Each structure stands twice: as structure tokens, then as C-alpha cells.
Amino acid sequence: MLFRNHVYKVVSQIPKGKVATYGQVAKLAGNSKTARAVGWLMKTNPHAPKVPCHRVIGSDGQLVGYSARKGLVTKKQLLVSEGVVFKRERIDLKMCLWKPKN
């Protein structure tokens, strides 16, 4: 299976109310050194909303990279509507970081 397919499979498993970091997705997809490639795949995601790229965030809980509609404003609105908790302008990773059961 191609790396991009692994990435899309991982991201499609992130439940509403949870987020994953680009690095976390890269590691779960089989290559922990490819966080930037994950970012590019999210930017060019042909499978939205089935593959919820808005649930992939920076390692520090910051919103980065979203190309749909109004960019990061839309990304934040989507996450808030799904129950993701913010502390100031960052996501509360203690509450919202996805912990897959593997």
C-alpha cells in the first residue's frame, strides 16, 4: 500500500472531538520522519470529508495549514462544532489528542 493511502486511512479513523498531530499521523502511517509529507497530503486531500483533514494539527496544539473556505477560521469552527476544546488559541491536547487503540 502506498504511504498516502496509509495516511488517509489513519486520518479517517480520527473520531469527532479528537485531533492528531502531523507527526503522530506520520508515525502511525509507518514513517515518523514524514510529517511534512502528511501536511502536503492533507492540503491535497481528495477524500474530504471522509478523510477529516481538519483534525490534523501542529505538534503544540496550534492550528496550521487548512486550505478550505476561510482557512484556519473554518478549521477552528469545524473543530469547535465537533467538541474540540481550546485553551486560548491552541487545542487542549490533554483532553483532545487522539490515542488510537493499536
N, C-alpha and C. Protein backbone atom coordinates (compact mmCIF):
# COMPACT_ATOMS: atom_id res chain seq x y z
N MET A 1 0.85 -1.18 0.00
CA MET A 1 0.00 0.00 0.00
C MET A 1 0.89 1.24 0.00
N LEU A 2 0.52 2.22 -0.76
CA LEU A 2 1.28 3.47 -0.83
C LEU A 2 1.17 4.25 0.47
N PHE A 3 2.22 5.01 0.79
CA PHE A 3 2.24 5.81 2.02
C PHE A 3 1.01 6.70 2.12
N ARG A 4 0.64 7.36 1.03
CA ARG A 4 -0.51 8.28 1.09
C ARG A 4 -1.78 7.54 1.49
N ASN A 5 -1.93 6.32 1.03
CA ASN A 5 -3.11 5.54 1.40
C ASN A 5 -3.10 5.21 2.89
N HIS A 6 -1.92 4.93 3.43
CA HIS A 6 -1.80 4.70 4.87
C HIS A 6 -2.21 5.96 5.63
N VAL A 7 -1.73 7.11 5.16
CA VAL A 7 -2.04 8.38 5.81
C VAL A 7 -3.55 8.63 5.80
N TYR A 8 -4.17 8.48 4.64
CA TYR A 8 -5.62 8.72 4.56
C TYR A 8 -6.39 7.74 5.44
N LYS A 9 -5.92 6.51 5.54
CA LYS A 9 -6.58 5.52 6.40
C LYS A 9 -6.48 5.94 7.86
N VAL A 10 -5.29 6.36 8.28
CA VAL A 10 -5.09 6.80 9.67
C VAL A 10 -5.99 7.99 9.97
N VAL A 11 -5.97 9.00 9.11
CA VAL A 11 -6.75 10.22 9.37
C VAL A 11 -8.24 9.93 9.37
N SER A 12 -8.68 9.01 8.55
CA SER A 12 -10.12 8.68 8.51
C SER A 12 -10.59 8.04 9.81
N GLN A 13 -9.67 7.59 10.65
CA GLN A 13 -10.03 6.95 11.92
C GLN A 13 -10.08 7.92 13.08
N ILE A 14 -9.64 9.16 12.89
CA ILE A 14 -9.67 10.15 13.98
C ILE A 14 -11.13 10.50 14.26
N PRO A 15 -11.60 10.23 15.47
CA PRO A 15 -13.02 10.48 15.76
C PRO A 15 -13.32 11.97 15.98
N LYS A 16 -14.59 12.31 15.85
CA LYS A 16 -15.03 13.68 16.17
C LYS A 16 -14.66 13.99 17.61
N GLY A 17 -14.23 15.22 17.84
CA GLY A 17 -13.85 15.63 19.18
C GLY A 17 -12.41 15.35 19.53
N LYS A 18 -11.68 14.71 18.60
CA LYS A 18 -10.27 14.39 18.82
C LYS A 18 -9.45 14.94 17.66
N VAL A 19 -8.15 15.11 17.90
CA VAL A 19 -7.22 15.57 16.87
C VAL A 19 -5.96 14.72 16.93
N ALA A 20 -5.19 14.77 15.86
CA ALA A 20 -3.89 14.11 15.82
C ALA A 20 -2.89 15.10 15.23
N THR A 21 -1.64 14.98 15.61
CA THR A 21 -0.62 15.85 15.05
C THR A 21 -0.10 15.27 13.73
N TYR A 22 0.51 16.12 12.94
CA TYR A 22 1.09 15.65 11.67
C TYR A 22 2.12 14.56 11.95
N GLY A 23 2.94 14.74 12.98
CA GLY A 23 3.95 13.75 13.33
C GLY A 23 3.34 12.44 13.79
N GLN A 24 2.27 12.52 14.55
CA GLN A 24 1.57 11.33 15.03
C GLN A 24 1.01 10.54 13.84
N VAL A 25 0.40 11.25 12.91
CA VAL A 25 -0.14 10.59 11.72
C VAL A 25 0.98 9.93 10.92
N ALA A 26 2.08 10.64 10.76
CA ALA A 26 3.22 10.08 10.02
C ALA A 26 3.70 8.78 10.66
N LYS A 27 3.84 8.81 11.98
CA LYS A 27 4.31 7.62 12.70
C LYS A 27 3.32 6.47 12.55
N LEU A 28 2.03 6.76 12.72
CA LEU A 28 1.01 5.72 12.59
C LEU A 28 0.91 5.16 11.17
N ALA A 29 1.29 5.99 10.19
CA ALA A 29 1.27 5.56 8.79
C ALA A 29 2.54 4.82 8.39
N GLY A 30 3.51 4.77 9.31
CA GLY A 30 4.69 3.95 9.05
C GLY A 30 6.01 4.66 8.87
N ASN A 31 6.04 6.01 8.96
CA ASN A 31 7.31 6.72 8.80
C ASN A 31 7.28 8.01 9.60
N SER A 32 7.86 7.97 10.79
CA SER A 32 7.81 9.10 11.72
C SER A 32 8.53 10.35 11.22
N LYS A 33 9.30 10.24 10.15
CA LYS A 33 10.05 11.38 9.64
C LYS A 33 9.35 12.12 8.50
N THR A 34 8.07 11.83 8.30
CA THR A 34 7.39 12.38 7.14
C THR A 34 6.21 13.30 7.49
N ALA A 35 6.33 14.03 8.58
CA ALA A 35 5.24 14.93 9.00
C ALA A 35 4.93 15.97 7.92
N ARG A 36 5.95 16.48 7.25
CA ARG A 36 5.70 17.47 6.18
C ARG A 36 4.94 16.84 5.01
N ALA A 37 5.25 15.61 4.71
CA ALA A 37 4.52 14.92 3.64
C ALA A 37 3.06 14.73 4.04
N VAL A 38 2.81 14.45 5.31
CA VAL A 38 1.43 14.35 5.79
C VAL A 38 0.72 15.68 5.58
N GLY A 39 1.40 16.77 5.88
CA GLY A 39 0.82 18.11 5.66
C GLY A 39 0.44 18.33 4.21
N TRP A 40 1.31 17.94 3.31
CA TRP A 40 1.03 18.10 1.88
C TRP A 40 -0.17 17.24 1.48
N LEU A 41 -0.22 16.01 2.00
CA LEU A 41 -1.35 15.12 1.68
C LEU A 41 -2.67 15.68 2.22
N MET A 42 -2.61 16.32 3.37
CA MET A 42 -3.84 16.93 3.91
C MET A 42 -4.25 18.12 3.05
N LYS A 43 -3.29 18.88 2.58
CA LYS A 43 -3.58 20.04 1.72
C LYS A 43 -4.22 19.62 0.41
N THR A 44 -3.83 18.47 -0.09
CA THR A 44 -4.32 18.00 -1.39
C THR A 44 -5.32 16.84 -1.24
N ASN A 45 -5.91 16.72 -0.08
CA ASN A 45 -6.82 15.62 0.25
C ASN A 45 -8.02 15.56 -0.70
N PRO A 46 -8.10 14.54 -1.55
CA PRO A 46 -9.23 14.44 -2.46
C PRO A 46 -10.44 13.73 -1.84
N HIS A 47 -10.30 13.30 -0.59
CA HIS A 47 -11.33 12.48 0.04
C HIS A 47 -12.12 13.18 1.16
N ALA A 48 -11.97 14.50 1.28
CA ALA A 48 -12.72 15.22 2.32
C ALA A 48 -14.20 15.17 1.98
N PRO A 49 -15.07 15.05 2.92
CA PRO A 49 -14.85 14.99 4.38
C PRO A 49 -14.66 13.58 4.92
N LYS A 50 -14.67 12.55 4.07
CA LYS A 50 -14.45 11.18 4.55
C LYS A 50 -13.12 11.07 5.28
N VAL A 51 -12.11 11.75 4.77
CA VAL A 51 -10.81 11.85 5.44
C VAL A 51 -10.77 13.25 6.05
N PRO A 52 -11.04 13.37 7.36
CA PRO A 52 -11.20 14.67 8.00
C PRO A 52 -9.88 15.39 8.29
N CYS A 53 -9.32 15.98 7.26
CA CYS A 53 -8.00 16.62 7.38
C CYS A 53 -7.99 17.78 8.38
N HIS A 54 -9.16 18.34 8.68
CA HIS A 54 -9.20 19.44 9.66
C HIS A 54 -8.85 18.96 11.07
N ARG A 55 -8.82 17.67 11.29
CA ARG A 55 -8.48 17.13 12.61
C ARG A 55 -6.98 16.89 12.79
N VAL A 56 -6.18 17.29 11.82
CA VAL A 56 -4.73 17.14 11.91
C VAL A 56 -4.14 18.52 12.20
N ILE A 57 -3.32 18.57 13.26
CA ILE A 57 -2.84 19.86 13.79
C ILE A 57 -1.34 19.83 14.05
N GLY A 58 -0.80 20.99 14.42
CA GLY A 58 0.60 21.10 14.78
C GLY A 58 0.90 20.39 16.09
N SER A 59 2.15 20.06 16.32
CA SER A 59 2.56 19.27 17.49
C SER A 59 2.33 19.99 18.81
N ASP A 60 2.21 21.31 18.77
CA ASP A 60 1.99 22.08 20.00
C ASP A 60 0.52 22.45 20.21
N GLY A 61 -0.37 21.87 19.43
CA GLY A 61 -1.78 22.16 19.56
C GLY A 61 -2.26 23.33 18.74
N GLN A 62 -1.36 23.90 17.96
CA GLN A 62 -1.70 25.06 17.15
C GLN A 62 -2.35 24.62 15.83
N LEU A 63 -3.28 25.43 15.38
CA LEU A 63 -3.89 25.17 14.07
C LEU A 63 -2.94 25.65 12.99
N VAL A 64 -2.65 24.78 12.06
CA VAL A 64 -1.79 25.12 10.93
C VAL A 64 -2.37 24.49 9.68
N GLY A 65 -2.17 25.13 8.57
CA GLY A 65 -2.48 24.58 7.27
C GLY A 65 -3.88 24.06 7.04
N TYR A 66 -4.73 24.92 6.52
CA TYR A 66 -6.05 24.47 6.10
C TYR A 66 -6.46 25.30 4.90
N SER A 67 -6.75 24.64 3.80
CA SER A 67 -6.96 25.36 2.55
C SER A 67 -8.43 25.54 2.16
N ALA A 68 -9.34 24.92 2.90
CA ALA A 68 -10.76 25.02 2.54
C ALA A 68 -11.36 26.35 3.02
N ARG A 69 -12.28 26.83 2.27
CA ARG A 69 -13.05 28.05 2.55
C ARG A 69 -12.22 29.16 3.15
N LYS A 70 -12.44 29.51 4.41
CA LYS A 70 -11.73 30.63 5.05
C LYS A 70 -10.51 30.17 5.84
N GLY A 71 -9.91 29.10 5.42
CA GLY A 71 -8.67 28.63 6.03
C GLY A 71 -8.81 28.24 7.48
N LEU A 72 -7.92 28.78 8.32
CA LEU A 72 -7.86 28.38 9.73
C LEU A 72 -9.12 28.76 10.50
N VAL A 73 -9.81 29.81 10.07
CA VAL A 73 -11.08 30.18 10.71
C VAL A 73 -12.08 29.03 10.55
N THR A 74 -12.17 28.50 9.35
CA THR A 74 -13.06 27.37 9.09
C THR A 74 -12.61 26.13 9.85
N LYS A 75 -11.31 25.88 9.88
CA LYS A 75 -10.78 24.71 10.59
C LYS A 75 -11.18 24.78 12.07
N LYS A 76 -11.02 25.94 12.68
CA LYS A 76 -11.37 26.09 14.09
C LYS A 76 -12.88 25.92 14.29
N GLN A 77 -13.68 26.49 13.43
CA GLN A 77 -15.13 26.36 13.54
C GLN A 77 -15.55 24.89 13.47
N LEU A 78 -14.97 24.15 12.55
CA LEU A 78 -15.28 22.72 12.42
C LEU A 78 -14.90 21.96 13.69
N LEU A 79 -13.71 22.23 14.19
CA LEU A 79 -13.25 21.52 15.39
C LEU A 79 -14.11 21.86 16.61
N VAL A 80 -14.43 23.13 16.79
CA VAL A 80 -15.28 23.53 17.91
C VAL A 80 -16.65 22.87 17.80
N SER A 81 -17.20 22.82 16.60
CA SER A 81 -18.52 22.20 16.41
C SER A 81 -18.50 20.70 16.71
N GLU A 82 -17.31 20.10 16.67
CA GLU A 82 -17.17 18.67 16.97
C GLU A 82 -16.82 18.42 18.44
N GLY A 83 -16.64 19.50 19.21
CA GLY A 83 -16.36 19.35 20.63
C GLY A 83 -14.91 19.46 21.03
N VAL A 84 -14.04 19.87 20.13
CA VAL A 84 -12.62 20.04 20.46
C VAL A 84 -12.49 21.28 21.35
N VAL A 85 -11.71 21.13 22.43
CA VAL A 85 -11.55 22.18 23.43
C VAL A 85 -10.28 22.97 23.16
N PHE A 86 -10.42 24.29 23.19
CA PHE A 86 -9.29 25.19 23.00
C PHE A 86 -8.94 25.88 24.32
N LYS A 87 -7.66 26.11 24.53
CA LYS A 87 -7.16 26.98 25.59
C LYS A 87 -6.44 28.10 24.88
N ARG A 88 -7.02 29.26 24.93
CA ARG A 88 -6.57 30.40 24.14
C ARG A 88 -6.64 30.02 22.66
N GLU A 89 -5.56 30.05 21.96
CA GLU A 89 -5.59 29.75 20.53
C GLU A 89 -5.04 28.37 20.18
N ARG A 90 -4.84 27.54 21.21
CA ARG A 90 -4.31 26.20 20.97
C ARG A 90 -5.31 25.16 21.48
N ILE A 91 -5.25 24.00 20.88
CA ILE A 91 -6.11 22.91 21.30
C ILE A 91 -5.57 22.31 22.60
N ASP A 92 -6.47 22.00 23.50
CA ASP A 92 -6.10 21.35 24.75
C ASP A 92 -5.76 19.88 24.43
N LEU A 93 -4.49 19.62 24.27
CA LEU A 93 -4.05 18.28 23.86
C LEU A 93 -4.29 17.23 24.94
N LYS A 94 -4.31 17.63 26.20
CA LYS A 94 -4.59 16.67 27.27
C LYS A 94 -6.00 16.10 27.12
N MET A 95 -6.91 16.91 26.65
CA MET A 95 -8.29 16.48 26.50
C MET A 95 -8.60 15.91 25.12
N CYS A 96 -7.93 16.44 24.09
CA CYS A 96 -8.41 16.18 22.72
C CYS A 96 -7.45 15.39 21.83
N LEU A 97 -6.26 15.09 22.30
CA LEU A 97 -5.33 14.33 21.45
C LEU A 97 -5.82 12.89 21.33
N TRP A 98 -5.94 12.43 20.11
CA TRP A 98 -6.40 11.08 19.81
C TRP A 98 -5.38 10.07 20.24
N LYS A 99 -5.84 9.04 20.93
CA LYS A 99 -4.97 7.93 21.35
C LYS A 99 -5.55 6.65 20.75
N PRO A 100 -5.07 6.29 19.56
CA PRO A 100 -5.61 5.10 18.91
C PRO A 100 -5.33 3.83 19.72
N LYS A 101 -6.22 2.90 19.62
CA LYS A 101 -6.08 1.63 20.32
C LYS A 101 -5.45 0.62 19.37
N ASN A 102 -4.13 0.60 19.34
CA ASN A 102 -3.41 -0.35 18.47
C ASN A 102 -2.65 -1.34 19.30
